Amino acid sequence: MIILLHGKDTFRSRQKLKELEVAYQQKHKTGFSFEKIDGFSTDMKQVKNALQSGSLFDSSKLVVLENVSANAGLKGEFADWQGLRSFKGDKDNTIILFENSSVEKDKDYKKIIALADKKQEFKELGVAETARWFFAYYANRSPVSLDIIKEVVSLCRGDMWFIYNELNKIRAYSHGRKITKKTLDAVSVGGAEAQIFPTIDAIFRGDTNKAFYNLLLQWRAGEAPEYVFYMIVRQLKIIAQVKEQKDLGVSPDLIAKKIGEHPFVVKKTLSIVGLFSWPKIKDLYSRVGSLDVKSKTGQIDVYLSCELLSAAVAS
């Protein structure tokens, strides 16, 4: 089976990906293999090896292939690969294609879309839709009133990852007590965004003492490790994109337009791209996939996976 998840709202698409991974593992409790690959840092040979290899004891396979659209060479080869057709309709062997942006209008992706058994695009939600989505999300967990969620959405400027992180913080702080606007003030909702960037900056500049001190403070403050992990991966992606454009001789202003980031972000990134060779970037992408799988399958604690990734980036 071939499943395509794509769109700008990576929070909801990640939630769906997680849901599919868990469902697959529950269905195939034994005799299955699970692998995650980042398409940006791989080639067709590695993809084929992942999709075609397997143990005699594996009756089923799940391969999550991310960011194929970011690798023009791989995208073309993958779309033309005849072996991809064999996965269409196969209920035991599944490929989940995960893209951080919409590929609906990507001409080179059309062949892949045509083969997809299922596809879902996650478009960015409006303010009211975002509030309703989180209200439904927490309804069967630890309920939060719609008015409080609306307030958090406003304070976090609609950023789904940020909202999720802050709602988890106030739920942990309240310990089942009624959440009010005073609760939001007590935990400084909306202020964590300013705190996360110095941590990410320290990690990517190799300042391990500051990086791990900041991580400790954030764990004590109730920061969600999933959010920190996401922010590290996001920065790694920006570095790879900026480095690629820099190597091509593209100007900073044009780089900002090409990758959809603020010129200030590109300027700061350009000051550290020299610390990251392509072999190191590829190794880090590999670690991201490995740690993500291990934390989701319970092999390691999610806090530890975040700290291990931080150490790998800073080293």
Protein backbone atom coordinates (compact mmCIF):
# COMPACT_ATOMS: atom_id res chain seq x y z
CA MET A 1 0.00 0.00 0.00
CA ILE A 2 1.17 3.51 -0.76
CA ILE A 3 -0.01 6.34 1.52
CA LEU A 4 0.77 10.01 0.90
CA LEU A 5 0.64 12.60 3.70
CA HIS A 6 1.53 16.15 2.67
CA GLY A 7 0.86 19.81 3.40
CA LYS A 8 2.09 22.83 5.33
CA ASP A 9 0.45 21.84 8.61
CA THR A 10 3.15 19.44 9.75
CA PHE A 11 1.70 19.15 13.25
CA ARG A 12 -1.50 17.44 12.11
CA SER A 13 0.30 15.44 9.43
CA ARG A 14 2.80 14.21 12.07
CA GLN A 15 -0.09 13.22 14.31
CA LYS A 16 -1.57 11.22 11.44
CA LEU A 17 1.80 9.61 10.68
CA LYS A 18 2.17 8.61 14.33
CA GLU A 19 -1.36 7.17 14.31
CA LEU A 20 -0.60 5.05 11.23
CA GLU A 21 2.71 3.81 12.66
CA VAL A 22 1.05 2.74 15.92
CA ALA A 23 -1.85 1.07 14.09
CA TYR A 24 0.58 -0.87 11.89
CA GLN A 25 2.61 -2.05 14.87
CA GLN A 26 -0.54 -3.18 16.70
CA LYS A 27 -1.74 -5.08 13.66
CA HIS A 28 1.62 -6.75 13.06
CA LYS A 29 2.88 -7.41 16.60
CA THR A 30 5.45 -9.90 15.37
CA GLY A 31 7.20 -10.59 12.08
CA PHE A 32 7.37 -7.09 10.67
CA SER A 33 10.06 -4.53 9.87
CA PHE A 34 9.82 -0.77 10.30
CA GLU A 35 12.24 1.71 8.76
CA LYS A 36 12.28 5.49 8.37
CA ILE A 37 14.34 7.29 5.70
CA ASP A 38 14.85 10.98 4.97
CA GLY A 39 14.73 11.43 1.20
CA PHE A 40 16.69 14.66 1.31
CA SER A 41 19.89 12.88 2.37
CA THR A 42 19.58 9.54 0.57
CA ASP A 43 19.65 8.08 -2.95
CA MET A 44 17.61 5.56 -4.92
CA LYS A 45 19.95 2.69 -4.09
CA GLN A 46 19.36 3.12 -0.36
CA VAL A 47 15.62 3.46 -0.89
CA LYS A 48 15.50 0.24 -2.93
CA ASN A 49 17.52 -1.59 -0.29
CA ALA A 50 15.07 -0.51 2.41
CA LEU A 51 12.01 -1.46 0.37
CA GLN A 52 13.28 -4.74 -1.07
CA SER A 53 15.36 -6.17 1.78
CA GLY A 54 13.89 -8.17 4.61
CA SER A 55 14.25 -11.13 6.88
CA LEU A 56 12.68 -14.54 6.28
CA PHE A 57 10.81 -13.92 9.53
CA ASP A 58 9.29 -10.64 8.34
CA SER A 59 5.88 -11.16 6.79
CA SER A 60 5.20 -7.43 6.50
CA LYS A 61 7.08 -4.17 6.09
CA LEU A 62 6.48 -0.51 6.83
CA VAL A 63 8.81 2.10 5.32
CA VAL A 64 8.30 5.80 6.02
CA LEU A 65 9.98 7.89 3.33
CA GLU A 66 10.16 11.61 4.10
CA ASN A 67 11.02 14.66 2.00
CA VAL A 68 11.29 12.99 -1.41
CA SER A 69 10.17 16.28 -2.97
CA ALA A 70 13.27 18.00 -1.54
CA ASN A 71 15.56 15.71 -3.56
CA ALA A 72 14.93 16.35 -7.27
CA GLY A 73 17.10 13.45 -8.45
CA LEU A 74 15.53 10.93 -6.11
CA LYS A 75 12.01 12.14 -6.87
CA GLY A 76 12.42 11.47 -10.59
CA GLU A 77 14.00 8.04 -10.12
CA PHE A 78 11.45 7.04 -7.50
CA ALA A 79 8.50 8.06 -9.69
CA ASP A 80 9.84 6.00 -12.63
CA TRP A 81 10.84 2.94 -10.56
CA GLN A 82 8.76 -0.02 -11.68
CA GLY A 83 9.14 -1.70 -8.29
CA LEU A 84 6.95 1.00 -6.74
CA ARG A 85 3.93 -0.44 -8.55
CA SER A 86 4.19 -3.68 -6.57
CA PHE A 87 3.34 -1.83 -3.35
CA LYS A 88 0.05 -0.46 -4.67
CA GLY A 89 -2.79 -2.37 -3.01
CA ASP A 90 -0.44 -4.51 -0.90
CA LYS A 91 -2.02 -4.58 2.59
CA ASP A 92 1.00 -6.10 4.32
CA ASN A 93 3.78 -4.00 2.82
CA THR A 94 3.30 -0.27 3.11
CA ILE A 95 5.15 2.87 2.05
CA ILE A 96 4.15 6.10 3.76
CA LEU A 97 5.35 9.15 1.85
CA PHE A 98 5.56 12.18 4.14
CA GLU A 99 6.08 15.67 2.71
CA ASN A 100 6.43 18.94 4.65
CA SER A 101 4.59 20.90 1.98
CA SER A 102 1.86 20.34 -0.60
CA VAL A 103 2.89 18.28 -3.64
CA GLU A 104 -0.48 18.49 -5.36
CA LYS A 105 0.86 20.89 -8.02
CA ASP A 106 4.32 19.29 -8.27
CA LYS A 107 4.55 18.05 -11.87
CA ASP A 108 7.32 15.56 -11.08
CA TYR A 109 5.26 14.09 -8.24
CA LYS A 110 2.18 13.33 -10.36
CA LYS A 111 3.25 9.76 -11.15
CA ILE A 112 3.68 9.04 -7.46
CA ILE A 113 0.33 10.62 -6.57
CA ALA A 114 -1.36 8.49 -9.23
CA LEU A 115 -0.08 5.32 -7.53
CA ALA A 116 -1.14 6.32 -4.00
CA ASP A 117 -3.82 4.11 -2.47
CA LYS A 118 -4.61 6.86 0.03
CA LYS A 119 -3.60 10.50 0.21
CA GLN A 120 -4.34 13.38 2.55
CA GLU A 121 -3.29 17.00 2.37
CA PHE A 122 -3.00 18.97 5.60
CA LYS A 123 -3.63 22.62 4.84
CA GLU A 124 -3.00 25.32 7.45
CA LEU A 125 -6.07 25.99 9.57
CA GLY A 126 -7.59 29.35 10.43
CA VAL A 127 -7.68 30.58 14.04
CA ALA A 128 -11.22 29.31 14.76
CA GLU A 129 -10.52 25.95 13.07
CA THR A 130 -7.29 25.55 15.06
CA ALA A 131 -9.11 26.15 18.35
CA ARG A 132 -11.84 23.64 17.48
CA TRP A 133 -9.25 21.06 16.40
CA PHE A 134 -7.41 21.23 19.74
CA PHE A 135 -10.69 21.24 21.67
CA ALA A 136 -11.59 17.93 20.00
CA TYR A 137 -8.02 16.60 20.41
CA TYR A 138 -8.06 17.05 24.20
CA ALA A 139 -11.72 16.09 24.70
CA ASN A 140 -10.88 12.47 25.61
CA ARG A 141 -7.59 13.26 27.34
CA SER A 142 -7.62 16.06 29.90
CA PRO A 143 -10.36 18.46 28.76
CA VAL A 144 -9.50 22.12 28.29
CA SER A 145 -12.28 24.66 27.73
CA LEU A 146 -12.69 26.14 24.28
CA ASP A 147 -12.26 29.67 25.67
CA ILE A 148 -8.86 28.77 27.18
CA ILE A 149 -7.77 27.09 23.95
CA LYS A 150 -8.78 30.18 21.98
CA GLU A 151 -6.65 32.29 24.32
CA VAL A 152 -3.64 29.98 23.87
CA VAL A 153 -4.09 29.96 20.08
CA SER A 154 -4.02 33.75 20.12
CA LEU A 155 -0.95 33.96 22.40
CA CYS A 156 0.91 31.45 20.22
CA ARG A 157 -0.10 33.19 16.98
CA GLY A 158 -1.68 30.05 15.51
CA ASP A 159 1.52 27.94 15.50
CA MET A 160 0.19 24.38 15.94
CA TRP A 161 3.43 22.97 17.42
CA PHE A 162 3.76 25.89 19.82
CA ILE A 163 0.10 25.63 20.86
CA TYR A 164 0.47 21.91 21.55
CA ASN A 165 3.56 22.52 23.65
CA GLU A 166 1.90 25.27 25.72
CA LEU A 167 -1.35 23.35 26.25
CA ASN A 168 0.63 20.37 27.55
CA LYS A 169 2.47 22.68 29.95
CA ILE A 170 -0.69 24.17 31.44
CA ARG A 171 -2.32 20.72 31.72
CA ALA A 172 0.72 19.43 33.62
CA TYR A 173 0.79 22.53 35.84
CA SER A 174 -2.92 22.40 36.70
CA HIS A 175 -2.83 18.74 37.91
CA GLY A 176 -6.50 18.28 37.11
CA ARG A 177 -7.60 21.61 38.59
CA LYS A 178 -9.72 23.99 36.54
CA ILE A 179 -7.60 25.90 34.02
CA THR A 180 -8.22 29.65 34.02
CA LYS A 181 -6.53 32.70 32.52
CA LYS A 182 -4.58 32.98 35.78
CA THR A 183 -3.10 29.55 34.95
CA LEU A 184 -1.90 30.90 31.61
CA ASP A 185 -0.20 33.80 33.37
CA ALA A 186 1.38 31.49 35.95
CA VAL A 187 3.16 29.39 33.34
CA SER A 188 3.88 32.31 30.98
CA VAL A 189 2.03 30.87 28.00
CA GLY A 190 3.49 32.22 24.80
CA GLY A 191 6.85 32.98 26.38
CA ALA A 192 8.49 29.63 25.64
CA GLU A 193 9.11 30.56 22.02
CA ALA A 194 11.72 33.09 23.11
CA GLN A 195 13.38 30.46 25.33
CA ILE A 196 13.62 27.67 22.75
CA PHE A 197 15.69 29.65 20.23
CA PRO A 198 18.73 30.22 22.51
CA THR A 199 18.70 26.48 23.22
CA ILE A 200 18.61 25.57 19.54
CA ASP A 201 21.28 28.17 18.80
CA ALA A 202 23.58 26.74 21.51
CA ILE A 203 23.08 23.19 20.20
CA PHE A 204 23.95 24.12 16.61
CA ARG A 205 26.91 26.29 17.61
CA GLY A 206 28.39 23.43 19.58
CA ASP A 207 28.10 25.16 22.98
CA THR A 208 27.29 21.94 24.84
CA ASN A 209 27.40 23.41 28.37
CA LYS A 210 24.81 26.08 27.55
CA ALA A 211 22.75 23.70 25.39
CA PHE A 212 22.33 21.05 28.08
CA TYR A 213 21.83 23.62 30.85
CA ASN A 214 19.00 25.14 28.79
CA LEU A 215 17.53 21.71 28.09
CA LEU A 216 17.51 20.98 31.82
CA LEU A 217 15.68 24.25 32.49
CA GLN A 218 13.13 23.43 29.82
CA TRP A 219 12.49 19.93 31.18
CA ARG A 220 11.94 21.49 34.63
CA ALA A 221 9.53 24.01 33.10
CA GLY A 222 7.49 21.20 31.53
CA GLU A 223 8.65 21.68 27.95
CA ALA A 224 7.44 18.86 25.69
CA PRO A 225 10.49 16.91 24.39
CA GLU A 226 8.61 16.25 21.13
CA TYR A 227 8.53 20.01 20.53
CA VAL A 228 12.27 20.43 21.17
CA PHE A 229 13.02 17.43 18.92
CA TYR A 230 10.87 19.00 16.19
CA MET A 231 12.68 22.34 16.52
CA ILE A 232 16.10 20.65 16.23
CA VAL A 233 14.99 18.78 13.10
CA ARG A 234 13.53 22.01 11.69
CA GLN A 235 16.84 23.84 12.18
CA LEU A 236 18.74 20.94 10.61
CA LYS A 237 16.49 21.14 7.57
CA ILE A 238 17.06 24.92 7.27
CA ILE A 239 20.84 24.40 7.48
CA ALA A 240 20.72 21.77 4.71
CA GLN A 241 18.59 24.03 2.48
CA VAL A 242 20.75 27.12 3.07
CA LYS A 243 23.98 25.16 2.55
CA GLU A 244 22.69 23.73 -0.73
CA GLN A 245 21.79 27.19 -2.05
CA LYS A 246 25.03 28.73 -0.77
CA ASP A 247 27.04 26.04 -2.57
CA LEU A 248 25.21 27.04 -5.76
CA GLY A 249 26.24 30.67 -5.26
CA VAL A 250 22.73 31.98 -4.54
CA SER A 251 22.53 35.33 -2.71
CA PRO A 252 21.16 35.44 0.87
CA ASP A 253 18.01 37.38 -0.11
CA LEU A 254 17.20 34.93 -2.88
CA ILE A 255 17.88 31.98 -0.57
CA ALA A 256 15.25 33.38 1.81
CA LYS A 257 12.69 33.52 -1.00
CA LYS A 258 13.55 30.07 -2.32
CA ILE A 259 13.25 28.26 1.03
CA GLY A 260 10.45 30.42 2.44
CA GLU A 261 12.31 31.69 5.51
CA HIS A 262 12.85 35.24 6.83
CA PRO A 263 16.11 36.88 5.64
CA PHE A 264 17.17 37.20 9.30
CA VAL A 265 16.88 33.41 9.74
CA VAL A 266 18.96 32.84 6.60
CA LYS A 267 21.58 35.35 7.75
CA LYS A 268 21.96 33.61 11.13
CA THR A 269 22.08 30.20 9.47
CA LEU A 270 24.79 31.30 7.04
CA SER A 271 27.00 32.09 10.04
CA ILE A 272 27.00 28.43 11.12
CA VAL A 273 26.63 26.37 7.92
CA GLY A 274 30.43 26.05 7.80
CA LEU A 275 30.23 23.90 10.94
CA PHE A 276 28.21 21.28 9.04
CA SER A 277 29.71 19.23 6.23
CA TRP A 278 27.43 17.21 3.96
CA PRO A 279 28.59 13.91 5.53
CA LYS A 280 27.68 15.27 8.97
CA ILE A 281 24.27 16.49 7.76
CA LYS A 282 23.53 13.08 6.25
CA ASP A 283 24.64 11.35 9.44
CA LEU A 284 22.38 13.61 11.52
CA TYR A 285 19.40 12.91 9.27
CA SER A 286 20.08 9.20 9.74
CA ARG A 287 20.17 9.68 13.52
CA VAL A 288 16.90 11.62 13.40
CA GLY A 289 15.17 8.68 11.71
CA SER A 290 16.72 6.11 14.05
CA LEU A 291 15.96 8.02 17.27
CA ASP A 292 12.44 8.81 16.11
CA VAL A 293 11.72 5.13 15.49
CA LYS A 294 13.28 4.03 18.79
CA SER A 295 11.34 6.56 20.87
CA LYS A 296 8.05 5.73 19.15
CA THR A 297 8.56 1.99 19.62
CA GLY A 298 9.47 2.40 23.30
CA GLN A 299 13.11 1.38 22.92
CA ILE A 300 14.32 4.66 24.45
CA ASP A 301 12.74 7.49 26.42
CA VAL A 302 11.65 10.51 24.35
CA TYR A 303 13.67 12.86 26.59
CA LEU A 304 16.77 10.74 26.01
CA SER A 305 16.22 10.70 22.23
CA CYS A 306 16.09 14.51 22.26
CA GLU A 307 19.28 14.74 24.35
CA LEU A 308 21.12 12.23 22.16
CA LEU A 309 20.19 14.17 19.02
CA SER A 310 21.32 17.41 20.70
CA ALA A 311 24.66 15.82 21.58
CA ALA A 312 25.13 14.53 18.01
CA VAL A 313 24.45 17.98 16.52
CA ALA A 314 26.69 19.81 19.00
CA SER A 315 29.64 17.41 18.70
